[in-house]
Amino acid sequence: QLQLVESGGGLAQPGGSLRLSCAASGFTLDRYAIGWFRQAPGKERETIACNSPTGGRPTLADSVKGRFTISRDNAKNTVYLQMNSLKPEDTAVYYCKADRTVVAYWGQGTQVTVSS
C-alpha cells in the first residue's frame, strides 16, 4: 500500500520542541519533493516547508523561519519536521506531502497543540 504515515504530534509548551515524522511505504521518498503544511481551525491551509528531491536549501515560510527545519533520512524513507521555539499560534493539524508532479501522497495529519 502506497502511503505516508505521520507521527510525533502532541502537546508542547510555548518555547518547547516537537519533531514530526513522515514515513513512506510502498514508494521511495528520495524521488519526491516534500512539503509540510498546517491548518488551524477556521484558517486556510498554510505551506510551511518545502524540500526538493535533489536537496539544496529547503524553503520555509516566514512564520516558521529560524525555528523549524526539514530533513530527510533516506535510509529510513522518512522525512522530519523539527519544530523549535514553539508558539501558541503554531497550534494546528500538520500534514506532509510527497509530490512528483504526476502523483502525490498526503499523510493523515497530526495534531500539534502549543499551550501552557
PDB file of N, CA and C in Angstrom:
ATOM      1  N   GLN A   1       0.845  -1.198   0.000  1.00  0.00           N
ATOM      2  CA  GLN A   1       0.000   0.000   0.000  1.00  0.00           C
ATOM      3  C   GLN A   1       0.878   1.244   0.000  1.00  0.00           C
ATOM      4  N   LEU A   2       0.547   2.182  -0.892  1.00  0.00           N
ATOM      5  CA  LEU A   2       1.319   3.405  -1.001  1.00  0.00           C
ATOM      6  C   LEU A   2       0.743   4.419  -0.024  1.00  0.00           C
ATOM      7  N   GLN A   3       1.543   4.842   0.943  1.00  0.00           N
ATOM      8  CA  GLN A   3       1.020   5.777   1.914  1.00  0.00           C
ATOM      9  C   GLN A   3       2.133   6.499   2.661  1.00  0.00           C
ATOM     10  N   LEU A   4       1.738   7.616   3.244  1.00  0.00           N
ATOM     11  CA  LEU A   4       2.589   8.360   4.158  1.00  0.00           C
ATOM     12  C   LEU A   4       1.945   8.289   5.538  1.00  0.00           C
ATOM     13  N   VAL A   5       2.729   7.993   6.529  1.00  0.00           N
ATOM     14  CA  VAL A   5       2.213   7.899   7.895  1.00  0.00           C
ATOM     15  C   VAL A   5       2.968   8.903   8.762  1.00  0.00           C
ATOM     16  N   GLU A   6       2.209   9.787   9.366  1.00  0.00           N
ATOM     17  CA  GLU A   6       2.798  10.825  10.204  1.00  0.00           C
ATOM     18  C   GLU A   6       2.751  10.419  11.678  1.00  0.00           C
ATOM     19  N   SER A   7       3.703  10.937  12.424  1.00  0.00           N
ATOM     20  CA  SER A   7       3.718  10.725  13.865  1.00  0.00           C
ATOM     21  C   SER A   7       4.491  11.866  14.518  1.00  0.00           C
ATOM     22  N   GLY A   8       4.369  11.957  15.828  1.00  0.00           N
ATOM     23  CA  GLY A   8       5.165  12.922  16.576  1.00  0.00           C
ATOM     24  C   GLY A   8       4.424  14.136  17.069  1.00  0.00           C
ATOM     25  N   GLY A   9       3.176  14.278  16.715  1.00  0.00           N
ATOM     26  CA  GLY A   9       2.421  15.421  17.210  1.00  0.00           C
ATOM     27  C   GLY A   9       2.084  15.257  18.677  1.00  0.00           C
ATOM     28  N   GLY A  10       1.496  16.288  19.232  1.00  0.00           N
ATOM     29  CA  GLY A  10       1.108  16.234  20.632  1.00  0.00           C
ATOM     30  C   GLY A  10       1.045  17.610  21.240  1.00  0.00           C
ATOM     31  N   LEU A  11       1.164  17.644  22.548  1.00  0.00           N
ATOM     32  CA  LEU A  11       1.086  18.882  23.309  1.00  0.00           C
ATOM     33  C   LEU A  11       2.497  19.349  23.677  1.00  0.00           C
ATOM     34  N   ALA A  12       2.780  20.607  23.450  1.00  0.00           N
ATOM     35  CA  ALA A  12       4.060  21.197  23.827  1.00  0.00           C
ATOM     36  C   ALA A  12       3.807  22.537  24.499  1.00  0.00           C
ATOM     37  N   GLN A  13       4.705  22.913  25.367  1.00  0.00           N
ATOM     38  CA  GLN A  13       4.615  24.227  25.995  1.00  0.00           C
ATOM     39  C   GLN A  13       5.239  25.279  25.102  1.00  0.00           C
ATOM     40  N   PRO A  14       4.812  26.505  25.226  1.00  0.00           N
ATOM     41  CA  PRO A  14       5.473  27.578  24.473  1.00  0.00           C
ATOM     42  C   PRO A  14       6.979  27.572  24.742  1.00  0.00           C
ATOM     43  N   GLY A  15       7.734  27.693  23.665  1.00  0.00           N
ATOM     44  CA  GLY A  15       9.187  27.615  23.764  1.00  0.00           C
ATOM     45  C   GLY A  15       9.730  26.210  23.646  1.00  0.00           C
ATOM     46  N   GLY A  16       8.861  25.229  23.647  1.00  0.00           N
ATOM     47  CA  GLY A  16       9.274  23.837  23.557  1.00  0.00           C
ATOM     48  C   GLY A  16       9.515  23.382  22.132  1.00  0.00           C
ATOM     49  N   SER A  17       9.766  22.072  22.002  1.00  0.00           N
ATOM     50  CA  SER A  17      10.083  21.490  20.702  1.00  0.00           C
ATOM     51  C   SER A  17       9.291  20.207  20.478  1.00  0.00           C
ATOM     52  N   LEU A  18       9.053  19.936  19.221  1.00  0.00           N
ATOM     53  CA  LEU A  18       8.498  18.671  18.776  1.00  0.00           C
ATOM     54  C   LEU A  18       9.152  18.313  17.461  1.00  0.00           C
ATOM     55  N   ARG A  19       9.211  17.024  17.174  1.00  0.00           N
ATOM     56  CA  ARG A  19       9.678  16.575  15.869  1.00  0.00           C
ATOM     57  C   ARG A  19       8.610  15.686  15.252  1.00  0.00           C
ATOM     58  N   LEU A  20       8.148  16.100  14.086  1.00  0.00           N
ATOM     59  CA  LEU A  20       7.185  15.311  13.337  1.00  0.00           C
ATOM     60  C   LEU A  20       7.921  14.406  12.357  1.00  0.00           C
ATOM     61  N   SER A  21       7.412  13.191  12.204  1.00  0.00           N
ATOM     62  CA  SER A  21       7.968  12.242  11.244  1.00  0.00           C
ATOM     63  C   SER A  21       6.928  11.928  10.188  1.00  0.00           C
ATOM     64  N   CYS A  22       7.416  11.650   9.009  1.00  0.00           N
ATOM     65  CA  CYS A  22       6.542  11.311   7.880  1.00  0.00           C
ATOM     66  C   CYS A  22       7.225  10.154   7.159  1.00  0.00           C
ATOM     67  N   ALA A  23       6.715   8.960   7.370  1.00  0.00           N
ATOM     68  CA  ALA A  23       7.336   7.753   6.829  1.00  0.00           C
ATOM     69  C   ALA A  23       6.547   7.244   5.638  1.00  0.00           C
ATOM     70  N   ALA A  24       7.271   6.916   4.585  1.00  0.00           N
ATOM     71  CA  ALA A  24       6.639   6.419   3.370  1.00  0.00           C
ATOM     72  C   ALA A  24       6.701   4.899   3.319  1.00  0.00           C
ATOM     73  N   SER A  25       5.653   4.316   2.769  1.00  0.00           N
ATOM     74  CA  SER A  25       5.665   2.882   2.486  1.00  0.00           C
ATOM     75  C   SER A  25       5.140   2.663   1.080  1.00  0.00           C
ATOM     76  N   GLY A  26       5.780   1.743   0.378  1.00  0.00           N
ATOM     77  CA  GLY A  26       5.355   1.423  -0.980  1.00  0.00           C
ATOM     78  C   GLY A  26       5.989   2.259  -2.059  1.00  0.00           C
ATOM     79  N   PHE A  27       6.751   3.266  -1.686  1.00  0.00           N
ATOM     80  CA  PHE A  27       7.470   4.079  -2.659  1.00  0.00           C
ATOM     81  C   PHE A  27       8.676   4.718  -1.958  1.00  0.00           C
ATOM     82  N   THR A  28       9.591   5.250  -2.791  1.00  0.00           N
ATOM     83  CA  THR A  28      10.844   5.790  -2.268  1.00  0.00           C
ATOM     84  C   THR A  28      10.775   7.307  -2.204  1.00  0.00           C
ATOM     85  N   LEU A  29      10.904   7.833  -1.012  1.00  0.00           N
ATOM     86  CA  LEU A  29      10.735   9.265  -0.798  1.00  0.00           C
ATOM     87  C   LEU A  29      11.808  10.115  -1.454  1.00  0.00           C
ATOM     88  N   ASP A  30      12.992   9.567  -1.676  1.00  0.00           N
ATOM     89  CA  ASP A  30      14.080  10.416  -2.179  1.00  0.00           C
ATOM     90  C   ASP A  30      13.847  10.880  -3.607  1.00  0.00           C
ATOM     91  N   ARG A  31      12.824  10.401  -4.255  1.00  0.00           N
ATOM     92  CA  ARG A  31      12.481  10.840  -5.607  1.00  0.00           C
ATOM     93  C   ARG A  31      11.364  11.874  -5.624  1.00  0.00           C
ATOM     94  N   TYR A  32      10.922  12.276  -4.446  1.00  0.00           N
ATOM     95  CA  TYR A  32       9.769  13.164  -4.336  1.00  0.00           C
ATOM     96  C   TYR A  32      10.155  14.479  -3.656  1.00  0.00           C
ATOM     97  N   ALA A  33       9.524  15.543  -4.119  1.00  0.00           N
ATOM     98  CA  ALA A  33       9.574  16.778  -3.361  1.00  0.00           C
ATOM     99  C   ALA A  33       8.699  16.605  -2.127  1.00  0.00           C
ATOM    100  N   ILE A  34       9.141  17.176  -1.030  1.00  0.00           N
ATOM    101  CA  ILE A  34       8.410  17.045   0.222  1.00  0.00           C
ATOM    102  C   ILE A  34       7.899  18.407   0.666  1.00  0.00           C
ATOM    103  N   GLY A  35       6.666  18.416   1.107  1.00  0.00           N
ATOM    104  CA  GLY A  35       6.101  19.638   1.660  1.00  0.00           C
ATOM    105  C   GLY A  35       5.458  19.360   3.005  1.00  0.00           C
ATOM    106  N   TRP A  36       5.550  20.336   3.881  1.00  0.00           N
ATOM    107  CA  TRP A  36       4.832  20.297   5.155  1.00  0.00           C
ATOM    108  C   TRP A  36       3.831  21.448   5.156  1.00  0.00           C
ATOM    109  N   PHE A  37       2.629  21.140   5.601  1.00  0.00           N
ATOM    110  CA  PHE A  37       1.538  22.102   5.615  1.00  0.00           C
ATOM    111  C   PHE A  37       0.888  22.055   6.995  1.00  0.00           C
ATOM    112  N   ARG A  38       0.147  23.095   7.306  1.00  0.00           N
ATOM    113  CA  ARG A  38      -0.630  23.060   8.533  1.00  0.00           C
ATOM    114  C   ARG A  38      -1.936  23.812   8.329  1.00  0.00           C
ATOM    115  N   GLN A  39      -2.912  23.417   9.125  1.00  0.00           N
ATOM    116  CA  GLN A  39      -4.208  24.094   9.061  1.00  0.00           C
ATOM    117  C   GLN A  39      -4.759  24.216  10.463  1.00  0.00           C
ATOM    118  N   ALA A  40      -4.982  25.444  10.857  1.00  0.00           N
ATOM    119  CA  ALA A  40      -5.575  25.729  12.159  1.00  0.00           C
ATOM    120  C   ALA A  40      -7.081  25.889  11.984  1.00  0.00           C
ATOM    121  N   PRO A  41      -7.854  25.685  13.024  1.00  0.00           N
ATOM    122  CA  PRO A  41      -9.311  25.822  12.921  1.00  0.00           C
ATOM    123  C   PRO A  41      -9.711  27.201  12.410  1.00  0.00           C
ATOM    124  N   GLY A  42     -10.557  27.199  11.394  1.00  0.00           N
ATOM    125  CA  GLY A  42     -11.061  28.445  10.852  1.00  0.00           C
ATOM    126  C   GLY A  42     -10.100  29.180   9.949  1.00  0.00           C
ATOM    127  N   LYS A  43      -8.940  28.564   9.667  1.00  0.00           N
ATOM    128  CA  LYS A  43      -7.939  29.219   8.822  1.00  0.00           C
ATOM    129  C   LYS A  43      -7.643  28.368   7.597  1.00  0.00           C
ATOM    130  N   GLU A  44      -7.092  29.013   6.586  1.00  0.00           N
ATOM    131  CA  GLU A  44      -6.705  28.303   5.376  1.00  0.00           C
ATOM    132  C   GLU A  44      -5.434  27.486   5.626  1.00  0.00           C
ATOM    133  N   ARG A  45      -5.254  26.474   4.815  1.00  0.00           N
ATOM    134  CA  ARG A  45      -4.051  25.667   4.903  1.00  0.00           C
ATOM    135  C   ARG A  45      -2.829  26.518   4.544  1.00  0.00           C
ATOM    136  N   GLU A  46      -1.780  26.364   5.296  1.00  0.00           N
ATOM    137  CA  GLU A  46      -0.555  27.147   5.114  1.00  0.00           C
ATOM    138  C   GLU A  46       0.588  26.209   4.737  1.00  0.00           C
ATOM    139  N   THR A  47       1.327  26.574   3.710  1.00  0.00           N
ATOM    140  CA  THR A  47       2.540  25.841   3.364  1.00  0.00           C
ATOM    141  C   THR A  47       3.671  26.360   4.234  1.00  0.00           C
ATOM    142  N   ILE A  48       4.316  25.474   4.976  1.00  0.00           N
ATOM    143  CA  ILE A  48       5.340  25.950   5.900  1.00  0.00           C
ATOM    144  C   ILE A  48       6.747  25.514   5.517  1.00  0.00           C
ATOM    145  N   ALA A  49       6.893  24.435   4.748  1.00  0.00           N
ATOM    146  CA  ALA A  49       8.235  23.998   4.385  1.00  0.00           C
ATOM    147  C   ALA A  49       8.177  23.145   3.126  1.00  0.00           C
ATOM    148  N   CYS A  50       9.176  23.322   2.265  1.00  0.00           N
ATOM    149  CA  CYS A  50       9.270  22.523   1.055  1.00  0.00           C
ATOM    150  C   CYS A  50      10.724  22.117   0.860  1.00  0.00           C
ATOM    151  N   ASN A  51      10.917  20.930   0.330  1.00  0.00           N
ATOM    152  CA  ASN A  51      12.262  20.412   0.114  1.00  0.00           C
ATOM    153  C   ASN A  51      12.263  19.623  -1.179  1.00  0.00           C
ATOM    154  N   SER A  52      13.162  19.959  -2.115  1.00  0.00           N
ATOM    155  CA  SER A  52      13.189  19.266  -3.398  1.00  0.00           C
ATOM    156  C   SER A  52      13.899  17.922  -3.260  1.00  0.00           C
ATOM    157  N   PRO A  53      13.655  17.000  -4.189  1.00  0.00           N
ATOM    158  CA  PRO A  53      14.319  15.697  -4.093  1.00  0.00           C
ATOM    159  C   PRO A  53      15.808  15.764  -4.360  1.00  0.00           C
ATOM    160  N   THR A  54      16.257  16.825  -5.007  1.00  0.00           N
ATOM    161  CA  THR A  54      17.678  16.955  -5.316  1.00  0.00           C
ATOM    162  C   THR A  54      18.464  17.601  -4.187  1.00  0.00           C
ATOM    163  N   GLY A  55      17.797  17.919  -3.119  1.00  0.00           N
ATOM    164  CA  GLY A  55      18.486  18.529  -1.982  1.00  0.00           C
ATOM    165  C   GLY A  55      18.500  20.034  -2.103  1.00  0.00           C
ATOM    166  N   GLY A  56      19.488  20.643  -1.518  1.00  0.00           N
ATOM    167  CA  GLY A  56      19.538  22.082  -1.515  1.00  0.00           C
ATOM    168  C   GLY A  56      18.816  22.655  -0.305  1.00  0.00           C
ATOM    169  N   ARG A  57      18.841  23.948  -0.219  1.00  0.00           N
ATOM    170  CA  ARG A  57      18.262  24.603   0.950  1.00  0.00           C
ATOM    171  C   ARG A  57      16.741  24.518   0.907  1.00  0.00           C
ATOM    172  N   PRO A  58      16.115  24.039   1.966  1.00  0.00           N
ATOM    173  CA  PRO A  58      14.649  23.999   1.990  1.00  0.00           C
ATOM    174  C   PRO A  58      14.051  25.402   1.989  1.00  0.00           C
ATOM    175  N   THR A  59      12.849  25.499   1.522  1.00  0.00           N
ATOM    176  CA  THR A  59      12.098  26.758   1.560  1.00  0.00           C
ATOM    177  C   THR A  59      11.193  26.731   2.781  1.00  0.00           C
ATOM    178  N   LEU A  60      11.263  27.766   3.584  1.00  0.00           N
ATOM    179  CA  LEU A  60      10.468  27.849   4.805  1.00  0.00           C
ATOM    180  C   LEU A  60       9.618  29.105   4.794  1.00  0.00           C
ATOM    181  N   ALA A  61       8.413  28.991   5.302  1.00  0.00           N
ATOM    182  CA  ALA A  61       7.549  30.157   5.433  1.00  0.00           C
ATOM    183  C   ALA A  61       8.140  31.127   6.456  1.00  0.00           C
ATOM    184  N   ASP A  62       7.862  32.398   6.258  1.00  0.00           N
ATOM    185  CA  ASP A  62       8.388  33.407   7.192  1.00  0.00           C
ATOM    186  C   ASP A  62       7.920  33.136   8.622  1.00  0.00           C
ATOM    187  N   SER A  63       6.738  32.557   8.756  1.00  0.00           N
ATOM    188  CA  SER A  63       6.171  32.319  10.088  1.00  0.00           C
ATOM    189  C   SER A  63       6.959  31.286  10.888  1.00  0.00           C
ATOM    190  N   VAL A  64       7.760  30.462  10.206  1.00  0.00           N
ATOM    191  CA  VAL A  64       8.498  29.409  10.910  1.00  0.00           C
ATOM    192  C   VAL A  64       9.998  29.497  10.689  1.00  0.00           C
ATOM    193  N   LYS A  65      10.426  30.414   9.856  1.00  0.00           N
ATOM    194  CA  LYS A  65      11.848  30.533   9.527  1.00  0.00           C
ATOM    195  C   LYS A  65      12.663  30.812  10.797  1.00  0.00           C
ATOM    196  N   GLY A  66      13.763  30.069  10.924  1.00  0.00           N
ATOM    197  CA  GLY A  66      14.601  30.223  12.106  1.00  0.00           C
ATOM    198  C   GLY A  66      14.175  29.352  13.265  1.00  0.00           C
ATOM    199  N   ARG A  67      12.999  28.734  13.163  1.00  0.00           N
ATOM    200  CA  ARG A  67      12.502  27.875  14.248  1.00  0.00           C
ATOM    201  C   ARG A  67      12.292  26.435  13.793  1.00  0.00           C
ATOM    202  N   PHE A  68      11.863  26.245  12.564  1.00  0.00           N
ATOM    203  CA  PHE A  68      11.569  24.915  12.033  1.00  0.00           C
ATOM    204  C   PHE A  68      12.632  24.524  11.007  1.00  0.00           C
ATOM    205  N   THR A  69      12.929  23.248  10.946  1.00  0.00           N
ATOM    206  CA  THR A  69      13.800  22.730   9.899  1.00  0.00           C
ATOM    207  C   THR A  69      13.210  21.435   9.345  1.00  0.00           C
ATOM    208  N   ILE A  70      13.513  21.175   8.089  1.00  0.00           N
ATOM    209  CA  ILE A  70      13.050  19.965   7.419  1.00  0.00           C
ATOM    210  C   ILE A  70      14.266  19.129   7.048  1.00  0.00           C
ATOM    211  N   SER A  71      14.159  17.823   7.207  1.00  0.00           N
ATOM    212  CA  SER A  71      15.287  16.960   6.876  1.00  0.00           C
ATOM    213  C   SER A  71      14.762  15.626   6.375  1.00  0.00           C
ATOM    214  N   ARG A  72      15.676  14.878   5.765  1.00  0.00           N
ATOM    215  CA  ARG A  72      15.339  13.559   5.237  1.00  0.00           C
ATOM    216  C   ARG A  72      16.306  12.513   5.783  1.00  0.00           C
ATOM    217  N   ASP A  73      15.800  11.309   5.985  1.00  0.00           N
ATOM    218  CA  ASP A  73      16.637  10.143   6.244  1.00  0.00           C
ATOM    219  C   ASP A  73      16.256   9.113   5.190  1.00  0.00           C
ATOM    220  N   ASN A  74      17.031   9.077   4.121  1.00  0.00           N
ATOM    221  CA  ASN A  74      16.670   8.191   3.003  1.00  0.00           C
ATOM    222  C   ASN A  74      16.765   6.716   3.409  1.00  0.00           C
ATOM    223  N   ALA A  75      17.654   6.402   4.317  1.00  0.00           N
ATOM    224  CA  ALA A  75      17.781   5.017   4.758  1.00  0.00           C
ATOM    225  C   ALA A  75      16.500   4.540   5.447  1.00  0.00           C
ATOM    226  N   LYS A  76      15.822   5.469   6.142  1.00  0.00           N
ATOM    227  CA  LYS A  76      14.575   5.135   6.823  1.00  0.00           C
ATOM    228  C   LYS A  76      13.348   5.501   6.002  1.00  0.00           C
ATOM    229  N   ASN A  77      13.592   6.101   4.815  1.00  0.00           N
ATOM    230  CA  ASN A  77      12.484   6.504   3.943  1.00  0.00           C
ATOM    231  C   ASN A  77      11.510   7.415   4.690  1.00  0.00           C
ATOM    232  N   THR A  78      12.099   8.351   5.411  1.00  0.00           N
ATOM    233  CA  THR A  78      11.331   9.209   6.318  1.00  0.00           C
ATOM    234  C   THR A  78      11.824  10.645   6.205  1.00  0.00           C
ATOM    235  N   VAL A  79      10.890  11.574   6.319  1.00  0.00           N
ATOM    236  CA  VAL A  79      11.248  12.977   6.413  1.00  0.00           C
ATOM    237  C   VAL A  79      10.771  13.506   7.762  1.00  0.00           C
ATOM    238  N   TYR A  80      11.429  14.566   8.199  1.00  0.00           N
ATOM    239  CA  TYR A  80      11.153  15.099   9.524  1.00  0.00           C
ATOM    240  C   TYR A  80      10.902  16.602   9.458  1.00  0.00           C
ATOM    241  N   LEU A  81      10.110  17.069  10.376  1.00  0.00           N
ATOM    242  CA  LEU A  81       9.937  18.498  10.601  1.00  0.00           C
ATOM    243  C   LEU A  81      10.290  18.747  12.058  1.00  0.00           C
ATOM    244  N   GLN A  82      11.446  19.367  12.284  1.00  0.00           N
ATOM    245  CA  GLN A  82      11.870  19.714  13.629  1.00  0.00           C
ATOM    246  C   GLN A  82      11.337  21.093  13.959  1.00  0.00           C
ATOM    247  N   MET A  83      10.582  21.172  15.023  1.00  0.00           N
ATOM    248  CA  MET A  83       9.931  22.424  15.397  1.00  0.00           C
ATOM    249  C   MET A  83      10.454  22.872  16.759  1.00  0.00           C
ATOM    250  N   ASN A  84      11.147  23.996  16.767  1.00  0.00           N
ATOM    251  CA  ASN A  84      11.701  24.554  17.992  1.00  0.00           C
ATOM    252  C   ASN A  84      11.044  25.894  18.307  1.00  0.00           C
ATOM    253  N   SER A  85      11.229  26.344  19.524  1.00  0.00           N
ATOM    254  CA  SER A  85      10.689  27.637  19.961  1.00  0.00           C
ATOM    255  C   SER A  85       9.211  27.767  19.592  1.00  0.00           C
ATOM    256  N   LEU A  86       8.466  26.755  19.926  1.00  0.00           N
ATOM    257  CA  LEU A  86       7.052  26.711  19.538  1.00  0.00           C
ATOM    258  C   LEU A  86       6.258  27.824  20.194  1.00  0.00           C
ATOM    259  N   LYS A  87       5.270  28.299  19.433  1.00  0.00           N
ATOM    260  CA  LYS A  87       4.390  29.372  19.884  1.00  0.00           C
ATOM    261  C   LYS A  87       2.950  28.873  19.859  1.00  0.00           C
ATOM    262  N   PRO A  88       2.068  29.465  20.647  1.00  0.00           N
ATOM    263  CA  PRO A  88       0.659  29.053  20.599  1.00  0.00           C
ATOM    264  C   PRO A  88       0.069  29.134  19.197  1.00  0.00           C
ATOM    265  N   GLU A  89       0.518  30.079  18.397  1.00  0.00           N
ATOM    266  CA  GLU A  89       0.000  30.209  17.038  1.00  0.00           C
ATOM    267  C   GLU A  89       0.469  29.106  16.104  1.00  0.00           C
ATOM    268  N   ASP A  90       1.363  28.237  16.578  1.00  0.00           N
ATOM    269  CA  ASP A  90       1.749  27.060  15.797  1.00  0.00           C
ATOM    270  C   ASP A  90       0.749  25.924  15.947  1.00  0.00           C
ATOM    271  N   THR A  91      -0.229  26.087  16.819  1.00  0.00           N
ATOM    272  CA  THR A  91      -1.243  25.057  17.018  1.00  0.00           C
ATOM    273  C   THR A  91      -2.025  24.834  15.728  1.00  0.00           C
ATOM    274  N   ALA A  92      -2.047  23.590  15.267  1.00  0.00           N
ATOM    275  CA  ALA A  92      -2.705  23.252  14.007  1.00  0.00           C
ATOM    276  C   ALA A  92      -2.586  21.747  13.780  1.00  0.00           C
ATOM    277  N   VAL A  93      -3.280  21.282  12.753  1.00  0.00           N
ATOM    278  CA  VAL A  93      -3.036  19.934  12.242  1.00  0.00           C
ATOM    279  C   VAL A  93      -1.967  20.055  11.155  1.00  0.00           C
ATOM    280  N   TYR A  94      -0.946  19.243  11.278  1.00  0.00           N
ATOM    281  CA  TYR A  94       0.185  19.288  10.358  1.00  0.00           C
ATOM    282  C   TYR A  94       0.125  18.094   9.401  1.00  0.00           C
ATOM    283  N   TYR A  95       0.399  18.390   8.137  1.00  0.00           N
ATOM    284  CA  TYR A  95       0.350  17.374   7.094  1.00  0.00           C
ATOM    285  C   TYR A  95       1.666  17.374   6.324  1.00  0.00           C
ATOM    286  N   CYS A  96       2.095  16.188   5.900  1.00  0.00           N
ATOM    287  CA  CYS A  96       3.208  16.094   4.967  1.00  0.00           C
ATOM    288  C   CYS A  96       2.661  15.650   3.610  1.00  0.00           C
ATOM    289  N   LYS A  97       3.405  15.989   2.586  1.00  0.00           N
ATOM    290  CA  LYS A  97       3.014  15.640   1.219  1.00  0.00           C
ATOM    291  C   LYS A  97       4.255  15.260   0.446  1.00  0.00           C
ATOM    292  N   ALA A  98       4.177  14.178  -0.293  1.00  0.00           N
ATOM    293  CA  ALA A  98       5.240  13.766  -1.205  1.00  0.00           C
ATOM    294  C   ALA A  98       4.723  13.980  -2.619  1.00  0.00           C
ATOM    295  N   ASP A  99       5.449  14.750  -3.411  1.00  0.00           N
ATOM    296  CA  ASP A  99       4.952  15.219  -4.706  1.00  0.00           C
ATOM    297  C   ASP A  99       5.969  14.899  -5.796  1.00  0.00           C
ATOM    298  N   ARG A 100       5.462  14.262  -6.848  1.00  0.00           N
ATOM    299  CA  ARG A 100       6.318  14.003  -8.011  1.00  0.00           C
ATOM    300  C   ARG A 100       5.621  14.500  -9.262  1.00  0.00           C
ATOM    301  N   THR A 101       4.861  15.549  -9.144  1.00  0.00           N
ATOM    302  CA  THR A 101       4.145  16.259 -10.207  1.00  0.00           C
ATOM    303  C   THR A 101       2.940  15.474 -10.697  1.00  0.00           C
ATOM    304  N   VAL A 102       3.181  14.257 -11.210  1.00  0.00           N
ATOM    305  CA  VAL A 102       2.057  13.481 -11.746  1.00  0.00           C
ATOM    306  C   VAL A 102       1.375  12.655 -10.668  1.00  0.00           C
ATOM    307  N   VAL A 103       2.004  12.549  -9.523  1.00  0.00           N
ATOM    308  CA  VAL A 103       1.415  11.797  -8.428  1.00  0.00           C
ATOM    309  C   VAL A 103       1.834  12.439  -7.114  1.00  0.00           C
ATOM    310  N   ALA A 104       0.940  12.420  -6.164  1.00  0.00           N
ATOM    311  CA  ALA A 104       1.233  12.995  -4.851  1.00  0.00           C
ATOM    312  C   ALA A 104       0.534  12.174  -3.778  1.00  0.00           C
ATOM    313  N   TYR A 105       1.179  12.135  -2.623  1.00  0.00           N
ATOM    314  CA  TYR A 105       0.617  11.415  -1.487  1.00  0.00           C
ATOM    315  C   TYR A 105       0.599  12.347  -0.288  1.00  0.00           C
ATOM    316  N   TRP A 106      -0.462  12.239   0.498  1.00  0.00           N
ATOM    317  CA  TRP A 106      -0.610  13.036   1.704  1.00  0.00           C
ATOM    318  C   TRP A 106      -0.580  12.148   2.937  1.00  0.00           C
ATOM    319  N   GLY A 107       0.010  12.653   3.994  1.00  0.00           N
ATOM    320  CA  GLY A 107      -0.110  11.999   5.276  1.00  0.00           C
ATOM    321  C   GLY A 107      -1.497  12.244   5.858  1.00  0.00           C
ATOM    322  N   GLN A 108      -1.783  11.552   6.940  1.00  0.00           N
ATOM    323  CA  GLN A 108      -3.122  11.613   7.524  1.00  0.00           C
ATOM    324  C   GLN A 108      -3.308  12.829   8.423  1.00  0.00           C
ATOM    325  N   GLY A 109      -2.225  13.503   8.722  1.00  0.00           N
ATOM    326  CA  GLY A 109      -2.304  14.669   9.589  1.00  0.00           C
ATOM    327  C   GLY A 109      -2.037  14.299  11.035  1.00  0.00           C
ATOM    328  N   THR A 110      -1.372  15.217  11.743  1.00  0.00           N
ATOM    329  CA  THR A 110      -1.120  15.011  13.164  1.00  0.00           C
ATOM    330  C   THR A 110      -1.326  16.338  13.895  1.00  0.00           C
ATOM    331  N   GLN A 111      -1.989  16.281  15.022  1.00  0.00           N
ATOM    332  CA  GLN A 111      -2.332  17.483  15.771  1.00  0.00           C
ATOM    333  C   GLN A 111      -1.137  17.942  16.599  1.00  0.00           C
ATOM    334  N   VAL A 112      -0.848  19.225  16.497  1.00  0.00           N
ATOM    335  CA  VAL A 112       0.153  19.872  17.343  1.00  0.00           C
ATOM    336  C   VAL A 112      -0.552  20.975  18.126  1.00  0.00           C
ATOM    337  N   THR A 113      -0.447  20.914  19.426  1.00  0.00           N
ATOM    338  CA  THR A 113      -1.056  21.915  20.290  1.00  0.00           C
ATOM    339  C   THR A 113       0.027  22.528  21.166  1.00  0.00           C
ATOM    340  N   VAL A 114       0.122  23.842  21.105  1.00  0.00           N
ATOM    341  CA  VAL A 114       1.121  24.559  21.908  1.00  0.00           C
ATOM    342  C   VAL A 114       0.367  25.386  22.939  1.00  0.00           C
ATOM    343  N   SER A 115       0.530  25.003  24.181  1.00  0.00           N
ATOM    344  CA  SER A 115      -0.227  25.650  25.245  1.00  0.00           C
ATOM    345  C   SER A 115       0.460  25.423  26.574  1.00  0.00           C
ATOM    346  N   SER A 116       0.339  26.406  27.447  1.00  0.00           N
ATOM    347  CA  SER A 116       0.880  26.243  28.797  1.00  0.00           C
ATOM    348  C   SER A 116      -0.190  25.683  29.734  1.00  0.00           C
TER     349      SER A 116
END
